[in-house]
C-alpha atoms as a PDB file:
ATOM      1  CA  UNK A   1     -24.860 -13.926  16.177  1.00  0.00           C
ATOM      2  CA  UNK A   2     -21.945 -12.119  14.910  1.00  0.00           C
ATOM      3  CA  UNK A   3     -20.340 -12.021  11.580  1.00  0.00           C
ATOM      4  CA  UNK A   4     -17.724 -10.185   9.558  1.00  0.00           C
ATOM      5  CA  UNK A   5     -18.737  -9.404   6.009  1.00  0.00           C
ATOM      6  CA  UNK A   6     -16.896  -7.827   2.739  1.00  0.00           C
ATOM      7  CA  UNK A   7     -18.640  -5.171   0.942  1.00  0.00           C
ATOM      8  CA  UNK A   8     -16.865  -2.958  -1.527  1.00  0.00           C
ATOM      9  CA  UNK A   9     -13.405  -4.051  -0.607  1.00  0.00           C
ATOM     10  CA  UNK A  10     -13.920  -3.204   3.042  1.00  0.00           C
ATOM     11  CA  UNK A  11     -14.780  -5.558   5.927  1.00  0.00           C
ATOM     12  CA  UNK A  12     -17.508  -4.845   8.348  1.00  0.00           C
ATOM     13  CA  UNK A  13     -18.270  -6.434  11.943  1.00  0.00           C
ATOM     14  CA  UNK A  14     -21.994  -6.694  12.021  1.00  0.00           C
ATOM     15  CA  UNK A  15     -24.616  -8.176  14.519  1.00  0.00           C
ATOM     16  CA  UNK A  16     -28.503  -8.551  14.180  1.00  0.00           C
ATOM     17  CA  UNK A  17     -30.146  -4.985  14.335  1.00  0.00           C
ATOM     18  CA  UNK A  18     -26.912  -3.149  13.663  1.00  0.00           C
ATOM     19  CA  UNK A  19     -26.885  -0.249  11.260  1.00  0.00           C
ATOM     20  CA  UNK A  20     -23.816   0.149   8.952  1.00  0.00           C
ATOM     21  CA  UNK A  21     -22.619   2.745   6.405  1.00  0.00           C
ATOM     22  CA  UNK A  22     -21.174   0.808   3.068  1.00  0.00           C
ATOM     23  CA  UNK A  23     -20.176   2.314  -0.236  1.00  0.00           C
ATOM     24  CA  UNK A  24     -23.033   3.278  -2.419  1.00  0.00           C
ATOM     25  CA  UNK A  25     -25.172   0.155  -3.693  1.00  0.00           C
ATOM     26  CA  UNK A  26     -27.441   0.225  -6.679  1.00  0.00           C
ATOM     27  CA  UNK A  27     -30.618  -0.550  -5.030  1.00  0.00           C
ATOM     28  CA  UNK A  28     -33.462   1.764  -4.051  1.00  0.00           C
ATOM     29  CA  UNK A  29     -34.323   2.487  -0.301  1.00  0.00           C
ATOM     30  CA  UNK A  30     -36.446  -0.127   1.202  1.00  0.00           C
ATOM     31  CA  UNK A  31     -35.204  -3.049  -0.773  1.00  0.00           C
ATOM     32  CA  UNK A  32     -33.737  -6.226   0.799  1.00  0.00           C
ATOM     33  CA  UNK A  33     -29.932  -6.742   0.344  1.00  0.00           C
ATOM     34  CA  UNK A  34     -28.093 -10.258   0.691  1.00  0.00           C
ATOM     35  CA  UNK A  35     -24.292 -10.276   1.389  1.00  0.00           C
ATOM     36  CA  UNK A  36     -22.889 -13.524   0.457  1.00  0.00           C
ATOM     37  CA  UNK A  37     -19.205 -12.759   1.252  1.00  0.00           C
ATOM     38  CA  UNK A  38     -19.121 -13.650   5.052  1.00  0.00           C
ATOM     39  CA  UNK A  39     -15.404 -14.040   6.234  1.00  0.00           C
ATOM     40  CA  UNK A  40     -16.590 -15.079   9.809  1.00  0.00           C
ATOM     41  CA  UNK A  41     -19.701 -16.385  11.408  1.00  0.00           C
ATOM     42  CA  UNK A  42     -19.598 -16.391  15.239  1.00  0.00           C
ATOM     43  CA  UNK A  43     -16.342 -18.316  15.987  1.00  0.00           C
ATOM     44  CA  UNK A  44     -16.338 -20.133  12.525  1.00  0.00           C
ATOM     45  CA  UNK A  45     -13.617 -18.544  10.286  1.00  0.00           C
ATOM     46  CA  UNK A  46     -13.900 -19.175   6.571  1.00  0.00           C
ATOM     47  CA  UNK A  47     -10.965 -19.839   4.149  1.00  0.00           C
ATOM     48  CA  UNK A  48     -11.371 -17.302   2.562  1.00  0.00           C
ATOM     49  CA  UNK A  49     -15.296 -17.222   3.183  1.00  0.00           C
ATOM     50  CA  UNK A  50     -17.930 -19.177   5.076  1.00  0.00           C
ATOM     51  CA  UNK A  51     -19.795 -21.624   2.654  1.00  0.00           C
ATOM     52  CA  UNK A  52     -23.717 -21.408   2.704  1.00  0.00           C
ATOM     53  CA  UNK A  53     -23.583 -18.274   5.091  1.00  0.00           C
ATOM     54  CA  UNK A  54     -25.699 -15.179   4.202  1.00  0.00           C
ATOM     55  CA  UNK A  55     -26.313 -11.858   5.791  1.00  0.00           C
ATOM     56  CA  UNK A  56     -29.491 -10.111   4.988  1.00  0.00           C
ATOM     57  CA  UNK A  57     -30.272  -6.529   5.363  1.00  0.00           C
ATOM     58  CA  UNK A  58     -32.630  -3.604   4.473  1.00  0.00           C
ATOM     59  CA  UNK A  59     -31.421  -0.403   2.762  1.00  0.00           C
ATOM     60  CA  UNK A  60     -32.559   2.537   4.839  1.00  0.00           C
ATOM     61  CA  UNK A  61     -31.261   5.376   2.864  1.00  0.00           C
ATOM     62  CA  UNK A  62     -28.490   6.703   0.558  1.00  0.00           C
ATOM     63  CA  UNK A  63     -26.589  10.004   1.021  1.00  0.00           C
ATOM     64  CA  UNK A  64     -23.233  11.490   1.145  1.00  0.00           C
ATOM     65  CA  UNK A  65     -20.779  11.786   4.003  1.00  0.00           C
ATOM     66  CA  UNK A  66     -19.450  15.080   5.360  1.00  0.00           C
ATOM     67  CA  UNK A  67     -16.912  16.802   3.040  1.00  0.00           C
ATOM     68  CA  UNK A  68     -13.336  15.826   3.529  1.00  0.00           C
ATOM     69  CA  UNK A  69     -11.149  18.963   2.836  1.00  0.00           C
ATOM     70  CA  UNK A  70      -8.084  18.519   0.899  1.00  0.00           C
ATOM     71  CA  UNK A  71      -5.474  21.301   1.052  1.00  0.00           C
ATOM     72  CA  UNK A  72      -2.390  21.419  -0.979  1.00  0.00           C
ATOM     73  CA  UNK A  73       0.210  24.134  -0.437  1.00  0.00           C
ATOM     74  CA  UNK A  74       3.856  24.730  -1.663  1.00  0.00           C
ATOM     75  CA  UNK A  75       6.056  26.986   0.368  1.00  0.00           C
ATOM     76  CA  UNK A  76       6.771  30.800  -0.891  1.00  0.00           C
ATOM     77  CA  UNK A  77       4.430  30.290  -3.934  1.00  0.00           C
ATOM     78  CA  UNK A  78       1.003  31.994  -3.346  1.00  0.00           C
ATOM     79  CA  UNK A  79      -0.429  30.806  -6.633  1.00  0.00           C
ATOM     80  CA  UNK A  80      -0.103  27.144  -5.766  1.00  0.00           C
ATOM     81  CA  UNK A  81      -2.532  27.179  -2.994  1.00  0.00           C
ATOM     82  CA  UNK A  82      -5.307  24.706  -3.767  1.00  0.00           C
ATOM     83  CA  UNK A  83      -8.271  23.703  -1.909  1.00  0.00           C
ATOM     84  CA  UNK A  84     -10.466  20.706  -2.849  1.00  0.00           C
ATOM     85  CA  UNK A  85     -13.360  18.876  -1.241  1.00  0.00           C
ATOM     86  CA  UNK A  86     -14.684  15.307  -1.549  1.00  0.00           C
ATOM     87  CA  UNK A  87     -17.891  13.835  -0.245  1.00  0.00           C
ATOM     88  CA  UNK A  88     -18.201  10.074  -0.600  1.00  0.00           C
ATOM     89  CA  UNK A  89     -21.675   8.524  -1.352  1.00  0.00           C
ATOM     90  CA  UNK A  90     -23.042   5.802   0.983  1.00  0.00           C
ATOM     91  CA  UNK A  91     -25.654   3.521   1.738  1.00  0.00           C
ATOM     92  CA  UNK A  92     -27.216   2.783   5.174  1.00  0.00           C
ATOM     93  CA  UNK A  93     -28.105  -0.757   5.862  1.00  0.00           C
ATOM     94  CA  UNK A  94     -29.835  -2.283   8.743  1.00  0.00           C
ATOM     95  CA  UNK A  95     -28.823  -5.719   9.289  1.00  0.00           C
ATOM     96  CA  UNK A  96     -31.812  -8.157   9.745  1.00  0.00           C
ATOM     97  CA  UNK A  97     -30.846 -11.507   9.621  1.00  0.00           C
ATOM     98  CA  UNK A  98     -27.585 -13.408   9.915  1.00  0.00           C
ATOM     99  CA  UNK A  99     -27.231 -17.145   9.046  1.00  0.00           C
END
């Protein structure tokens, strides 16, 4: 089965057994997670969500993504060079059941 779910303001296309990276969830590793906002289930499209549809998953781990370098520069001004970095926290989830 295939589904499109909404987690943290983003949409993810998932199948059973797939592993996805979502924004950090406040659950510990090994816990079960249920996603209620299912936008599409196989060929059935919701308006805006499919009723009585759930996607279950298991949290594998938490972590931070690779550093995204932000470089700001103004021409002819050496004091305005600025280099920043950002690492977005994530939760890795393995989809176990769609239905």
